[in-house]
Amino acid sequence: MVQDGSLEVGLRSTIQGMTISERDTSLEDLSDQGEADNEDEGSVIQTTSTEEVDSDDDRERGRRGGSGKKDGISPIPNPDDLSHCRQLGDLAIRGFQDLNEKYNRIVDTDDGANISVQRIRSIAPAIDYSQGQHFNRLRSRLLPMLKQQVVKVPLLPEPDESPVEAARKLKLIIEVQAELSTTIGQTRYAINALRPAPLGRYGHPPDDRHWGQLKRFRLSGLNGIFEFYVLDTCLRNLFYRTASEIRLRRLTNRPADEYDAREYFAKEGSVDMTLEKIDELIRCLEGSELDLLQDDWSKGKEALDNDIETLYSLAFPTTHSEQPNRPNKKPPSQRATQLAKLALPVAKLSRMCINKLSRRGGMDTKGLPQFTEMCSVDLVTLCKLTREVSESVGRLTSNINVGYRPDMYSRASELEKCFRIPLLLIHKHILPLFPNTNVFPNQTYYKNWFATWSTEFDLALGNLRAADRNTR
């Protein structure tokens, strides 16, 4: 690993030996010329200016390939300029390799050995912070700093830029590598310090309803997002991609290979995706508990939408002529059509409830408290609502679609169970957070809405339970 100090010394010694001139010759022109003969360095720019003929400064500029053109005569390029740029390119590539080796992903488990390795491959602060201090430092300093540094990583020289500008940009990349090494190490340490203690095989989560921002529900996912997404998926590929670009632009003494030209890292190694995952970490720290729940409720809705579409096609099958893309598809059986018509209202009401809890459905959490009085166990139960409902509707749809004769009573009870505890928690802990004022929507509105929904849902479940008797 190139340490911050040795990297700075190597950079300083490289820069001291450079004689990059201030001129307009582009990197592309120099690279195409190849390594010019030493005799070109002795050339002298001729000038017709009567005031500056035989000027010592002009001779020196001409010998070094100085900037500017006199009377249309181009300056003589210095081949050493591109050589020095390539030395910096070599250092930049080595720096990216070292970062990937030092901060490779460590599997996210509760295994004590993995947690210990994460602590070793991190940078501890000079002060022994409390958990609350680690939380605030991570949210307000480390993660915003990481975003600023990530943006600087791919700022590579363009082919038409002069060696002076190319060297400046490569130096900035090398400098930001040293900054990234420190920031990533400190971020990993802070996240590791906030990581909830492993529960063990038979352990039970503590009652943390009064722990505020340090509830297990909020902190338990930080390590996985950072190790798998930020480090492994995003930063690792961003470093690989930038190193490949340096080789492809011939800013290094190392030749490019066939893998450098591929677009494999185009998405995973993009700055936008990296910033998106860092923002996800920040949101886990800054968002209210209801914000985080709504984020979870929005996941898995596509599968539920697809199942509803399948049930609709089974309940109201189209004719052969109306399906030109699937001419060989057999129409559903009469029993499948009858069951789908009974299951469709249940599935649509399930989606209606989840949509009502979402931001798009009108449940605005702005101005509501940052924390609820729910413990992490209750919060986890709520965050699984969409996933469990979607899986239950998916099993029901699959059984009907393939002609399997399911036990409709059991399927209805399974789906009812998905809503039972979450709805109790919503009535007890979430609806009371809304003020009961004239401002719409208020607490009374939500209570009335869920009461009406429950009545309709119970009726649809009753019809589904009676399906075996009605379709024999």
Foldseek 3Di string as FASTA:
>chain_A
DCAPVNLVVVVVVLVVPDDAAPAQFFQLVLVVVPQDDPVCLQDADDAPDPVCPPPPVRRVCQSAQHYDDHPPDHHRHDNVLLVSLQVLLVSLLVLLVVLCVLQAFQDDDLDPVSLVVLQVSADEDPDDDDLVVLLCCLQPPLLVVLLVLLVLQQPADDRSGGSVVRSVSSVVNSNSSNVNSNSLRSNSNSLSNLADHDQPDPGDDDQCLPVFLSANLLNNCLSVLCRPQQNHQESSLLSVLSSLVCQVSVSHPDHHDPVSPDCPSVPSHDSVSNNVSSVVSSCSRPAALLVVLLVLLVPQVVLLVVLLVLLVCLLPPDDLVVCPPCNPDDHADPLLNLLSVLLNLLSVLLSVVSLCSHVNVPPDCPPFDRHWSHHSVLSVLSSCLSVQLSVLSVVSSVCSVVVHDDQLLVSLVSNVVSVPSNVVCCLVIPLVRFDPDPDPPGSVNVVVVVVVSVVSNVVSSVSSNCSVVVRD
